[in-house]
C-alpha atoms as a PDB file:
ATOM      1  CA  UNK A   1      76.638   2.380-142.244  1.00  0.00           C
ATOM      2  CA  UNK A   2      76.158   2.642-138.500  1.00  0.00           C
ATOM      3  CA  UNK A   3      75.088   5.754-136.576  1.00  0.00           C
ATOM      4  CA  UNK A   4      78.627   6.673-135.519  1.00  0.00           C
ATOM      5  CA  UNK A   5      79.836   6.604-139.132  1.00  0.00           C
ATOM      6  CA  UNK A   6      76.862   8.729-140.235  1.00  0.00           C
ATOM      7  CA  UNK A   7      77.635  11.327-137.593  1.00  0.00           C
ATOM      8  CA  UNK A   8      81.303  11.416-138.624  1.00  0.00           C
ATOM      9  CA  UNK A   9      80.331  11.822-142.279  1.00  0.00           C
ATOM     10  CA  UNK A  10      77.830  14.567-141.395  1.00  0.00           C
ATOM     11  CA  UNK A  11      80.542  16.463-139.462  1.00  0.00           C
ATOM     12  CA  UNK A  12      82.900  16.208-142.448  1.00  0.00           C
ATOM     13  CA  UNK A  13      80.241  17.588-144.789  1.00  0.00           C
ATOM     14  CA  UNK A  14      79.496  20.498-142.475  1.00  0.00           C
ATOM     15  CA  UNK A  15      83.218  21.235-142.037  1.00  0.00           C
ATOM     16  CA  UNK A  16      83.824  21.240-145.789  1.00  0.00           C
ATOM     17  CA  UNK A  17      80.795  23.436-146.439  1.00  0.00           C
ATOM     18  CA  UNK A  18      82.049  25.920-143.862  1.00  0.00           C
ATOM     19  CA  UNK A  19      85.371  26.092-145.711  1.00  0.00           C
ATOM     20  CA  UNK A  20      83.732  26.746-149.091  1.00  0.00           C
ATOM     21  CA  UNK A  21      84.519  30.150-150.510  1.00  0.00           C
ATOM     22  CA  UNK A  22      82.733  32.029-153.185  1.00  0.00           C
ATOM     23  CA  UNK A  23      84.024  34.480-155.728  1.00  0.00           C
ATOM     24  CA  UNK A  24      84.548  38.207-155.310  1.00  0.00           C
ATOM     25  CA  UNK A  25      84.251  40.453-158.347  1.00  0.00           C
ATOM     26  CA  UNK A  26      86.142  43.729-158.046  1.00  0.00           C
ATOM     27  CA  UNK A  27      84.614  46.776-159.673  1.00  0.00           C
ATOM     28  CA  UNK A  28      87.079  48.807-161.724  1.00  0.00           C
ATOM     29  CA  UNK A  29      87.243  51.437-158.956  1.00  0.00           C
ATOM     30  CA  UNK A  30      88.770  49.005-156.413  1.00  0.00           C
ATOM     31  CA  UNK A  31      91.083  46.740-158.447  1.00  0.00           C
ATOM     32  CA  UNK A  32      93.981  47.735-156.195  1.00  0.00           C
ATOM     33  CA  UNK A  33      92.628  45.258-153.624  1.00  0.00           C
ATOM     34  CA  UNK A  34      93.114  42.167-155.799  1.00  0.00           C
ATOM     35  CA  UNK A  35      96.593  41.114-154.644  1.00  0.00           C
ATOM     36  CA  UNK A  36      95.819  41.430-150.931  1.00  0.00           C
ATOM     37  CA  UNK A  37      92.523  39.549-151.243  1.00  0.00           C
ATOM     38  CA  UNK A  38      94.166  36.750-153.219  1.00  0.00           C
ATOM     39  CA  UNK A  39      96.823  36.505-150.522  1.00  0.00           C
ATOM     40  CA  UNK A  40      93.928  35.912-148.092  1.00  0.00           C
ATOM     41  CA  UNK A  41      92.955  32.889-150.206  1.00  0.00           C
ATOM     42  CA  UNK A  42      89.926  34.597-151.739  1.00  0.00           C
ATOM     43  CA  UNK A  43      89.085  33.924-155.384  1.00  0.00           C
ATOM     44  CA  UNK A  44      89.103  37.344-157.090  1.00  0.00           C
ATOM     45  CA  UNK A  45      87.795  38.232-160.544  1.00  0.00           C
ATOM     46  CA  UNK A  46      88.790  41.563-162.044  1.00  0.00           C
ATOM     47  CA  UNK A  47      86.515  42.935-164.744  1.00  0.00           C
ATOM     48  CA  UNK A  48      88.365  43.883-167.937  1.00  0.00           C
ATOM     49  CA  UNK A  49      87.690  47.484-168.961  1.00  0.00           C
ATOM     50  CA  UNK A  50      86.514  46.503-172.459  1.00  0.00           C
ATOM     51  CA  UNK A  51      83.596  44.371-171.154  1.00  0.00           C
ATOM     52  CA  UNK A  52      80.204  46.077-171.496  1.00  0.00           C
ATOM     53  CA  UNK A  53      78.246  46.973-168.385  1.00  0.00           C
ATOM     54  CA  UNK A  54      75.328  44.725-169.432  1.00  0.00           C
ATOM     55  CA  UNK A  55      77.635  41.705-169.789  1.00  0.00           C
ATOM     56  CA  UNK A  56      79.161  42.431-166.384  1.00  0.00           C
ATOM     57  CA  UNK A  57      75.797  42.763-164.629  1.00  0.00           C
ATOM     58  CA  UNK A  58      74.126  39.741-166.167  1.00  0.00           C
ATOM     59  CA  UNK A  59      77.084  37.476-166.914  1.00  0.00           C
ATOM     60  CA  UNK A  60      79.841  38.116-164.378  1.00  0.00           C
ATOM     61  CA  UNK A  61      77.949  39.004-161.192  1.00  0.00           C
ATOM     62  CA  UNK A  62      75.224  36.370-160.629  1.00  0.00           C
ATOM     63  CA  UNK A  63      75.941  34.230-157.543  1.00  0.00           C
ATOM     64  CA  UNK A  64      79.040  36.243-156.692  1.00  0.00           C
ATOM     65  CA  UNK A  65      79.911  39.123-154.390  1.00  0.00           C
ATOM     66  CA  UNK A  66      80.698  42.487-155.959  1.00  0.00           C
ATOM     67  CA  UNK A  67      83.074  44.803-154.106  1.00  0.00           C
ATOM     68  CA  UNK A  68      82.591  48.390-155.210  1.00  0.00           C
ATOM     69  CA  UNK A  69      82.902  52.014-154.208  1.00  0.00           C
ATOM     70  CA  UNK A  70      79.676  52.852-156.111  1.00  0.00           C
ATOM     71  CA  UNK A  71      77.036  50.493-154.701  1.00  0.00           C
ATOM     72  CA  UNK A  72      74.116  52.679-155.778  1.00  0.00           C
ATOM     73  CA  UNK A  73      74.866  51.784-159.410  1.00  0.00           C
ATOM     74  CA  UNK A  74      74.114  48.109-158.678  1.00  0.00           C
ATOM     75  CA  UNK A  75      71.342  48.129-156.061  1.00  0.00           C
ATOM     76  CA  UNK A  76      68.475  47.511-158.480  1.00  0.00           C
ATOM     77  CA  UNK A  77      70.223  44.660-160.298  1.00  0.00           C
ATOM     78  CA  UNK A  78      71.440  42.684-157.275  1.00  0.00           C
ATOM     79  CA  UNK A  79      68.065  41.109-156.396  1.00  0.00           C
ATOM     80  CA  UNK A  80      67.222  40.358-160.027  1.00  0.00           C
ATOM     81  CA  UNK A  81      70.590  38.943-161.091  1.00  0.00           C
ATOM     82  CA  UNK A  82      71.207  37.422-157.644  1.00  0.00           C
ATOM     83  CA  UNK A  83      74.500  38.829-156.457  1.00  0.00           C
ATOM     84  CA  UNK A  84      75.664  40.444-153.254  1.00  0.00           C
ATOM     85  CA  UNK A  85      77.318  43.830-152.831  1.00  0.00           C
ATOM     86  CA  UNK A  86      80.051  44.920-150.448  1.00  0.00           C
ATOM     87  CA  UNK A  87      80.200  48.700-150.458  1.00  0.00           C
ATOM     88  CA  UNK A  88      83.329  50.639-149.580  1.00  0.00           C
ATOM     89  CA  UNK A  89      81.700  54.073-149.928  1.00  0.00           C
ATOM     90  CA  UNK A  90      81.643  54.772-146.176  1.00  0.00           C
ATOM     91  CA  UNK A  91      85.387  54.139-145.740  1.00  0.00           C
ATOM     92  CA  UNK A  92      87.619  57.201-145.442  1.00  0.00           C
ATOM     93  CA  UNK A  93      90.217  55.631-147.722  1.00  0.00           C
ATOM     94  CA  UNK A  94      90.884  52.398-149.584  1.00  0.00           C
ATOM     95  CA  UNK A  95      94.173  50.711-148.817  1.00  0.00           C
ATOM     96  CA  UNK A  96      95.954  49.361-151.913  1.00  0.00           C
ATOM     97  CA  UNK A  97      98.853  47.612-150.210  1.00  0.00           C
ATOM     98  CA  UNK A  98      99.449  44.289-152.016  1.00  0.00           C
ATOM     99  CA  UNK A  99     100.051  42.484-148.711  1.00  0.00           C
ATOM    100  CA  UNK A 100      96.980  41.230-146.853  1.00  0.00           C
ATOM    101  CA  UNK A 101      98.792  41.671-143.534  1.00  0.00           C
ATOM    102  CA  UNK A 102      99.227  45.393-144.283  1.00  0.00           C
ATOM    103  CA  UNK A 103      95.974  46.071-146.177  1.00  0.00           C
ATOM    104  CA  UNK A 104      93.305  47.245-143.737  1.00  0.00           C
ATOM    105  CA  UNK A 105      90.611  47.420-146.417  1.00  0.00           C
ATOM    106  CA  UNK A 106      91.162  43.813-147.529  1.00  0.00           C
ATOM    107  CA  UNK A 107      91.072  42.743-143.885  1.00  0.00           C
ATOM    108  CA  UNK A 108      87.757  44.565-143.388  1.00  0.00           C
ATOM    109  CA  UNK A 109      86.300  42.869-146.473  1.00  0.00           C
ATOM    110  CA  UNK A 110      87.445  39.418-145.396  1.00  0.00           C
ATOM    111  CA  UNK A 111      86.192  39.824-141.814  1.00  0.00           C
ATOM    112  CA  UNK A 112      82.902  41.318-143.017  1.00  0.00           C
ATOM    113  CA  UNK A 113      82.198  38.508-145.462  1.00  0.00           C
ATOM    114  CA  UNK A 114      83.086  35.826-142.928  1.00  0.00           C
ATOM    115  CA  UNK A 115      81.507  37.546-139.937  1.00  0.00           C
ATOM    116  CA  UNK A 116      78.144  38.022-141.631  1.00  0.00           C
ATOM    117  CA  UNK A 117      78.199  34.598-143.291  1.00  0.00           C
ATOM    118  CA  UNK A 118      77.977  36.103-146.771  1.00  0.00           C
ATOM    119  CA  UNK A 119      79.589  33.126-148.527  1.00  0.00           C
ATOM    120  CA  UNK A 120      76.553  31.044-147.635  1.00  0.00           C
ATOM    121  CA  UNK A 121      74.031  33.865-148.064  1.00  0.00           C
ATOM    122  CA  UNK A 122      75.085  34.158-151.686  1.00  0.00           C
ATOM    123  CA  UNK A 123      72.991  37.000-153.016  1.00  0.00           C
ATOM    124  CA  UNK A 124      70.562  39.860-152.517  1.00  0.00           C
ATOM    125  CA  UNK A 125      72.393  41.803-149.827  1.00  0.00           C
ATOM    126  CA  UNK A 126      74.288  45.047-149.350  1.00  0.00           C
ATOM    127  CA  UNK A 127      77.060  45.141-146.765  1.00  0.00           C
ATOM    128  CA  UNK A 128      78.264  48.677-146.096  1.00  0.00           C
ATOM    129  CA  UNK A 129      81.692  48.533-144.483  1.00  0.00           C
ATOM    130  CA  UNK A 130      82.668  51.299-142.074  1.00  0.00           C
ATOM    131  CA  UNK A 131      85.989  52.235-140.513  1.00  0.00           C
ATOM    132  CA  UNK A 132      84.595  52.015-136.971  1.00  0.00           C
ATOM    133  CA  UNK A 133      83.416  48.410-137.441  1.00  0.00           C
ATOM    134  CA  UNK A 134      79.721  49.299-137.269  1.00  0.00           C
ATOM    135  CA  UNK A 135      78.969  47.721-140.635  1.00  0.00           C
ATOM    136  CA  UNK A 136      75.419  47.654-141.979  1.00  0.00           C
ATOM    137  CA  UNK A 137      73.968  44.577-143.662  1.00  0.00           C
ATOM    138  CA  UNK A 138      70.764  45.186-145.616  1.00  0.00           C
ATOM    139  CA  UNK A 139      68.772  42.499-147.450  1.00  0.00           C
ATOM    140  CA  UNK A 140      67.867  43.511-151.002  1.00  0.00           C
ATOM    141  CA  UNK A 141      64.505  42.329-152.278  1.00  0.00           C
END
């Protein structure tokens, strides 16, 4: 393989990695966002109500991003079980419109995850979304 072919292959790998998407897990308090996030081509997992909290924390969340309205309940586990948290607590309201084009909350989540490069970061972070766009990203150690 010559140098030009190697460069082309390297560009393809980088392009595909940039397109890779992770998985969002919706806490039971924000399941109304599922349809809009799926419409945005985001893989969404909704936690069934009958699943125990321990199973959720240690089995469903590792290497995923949790979207919740109660981030404080998960802050201690995120670094240990290696998951990220997107908190909606600072938002005035949570939009439940099933259409991504109409759902401001789903748009904020999508832009926040992409804008802060959270798909590649993977774990151990808290992103607090805010209505004014002044989001706060905090590493969790």
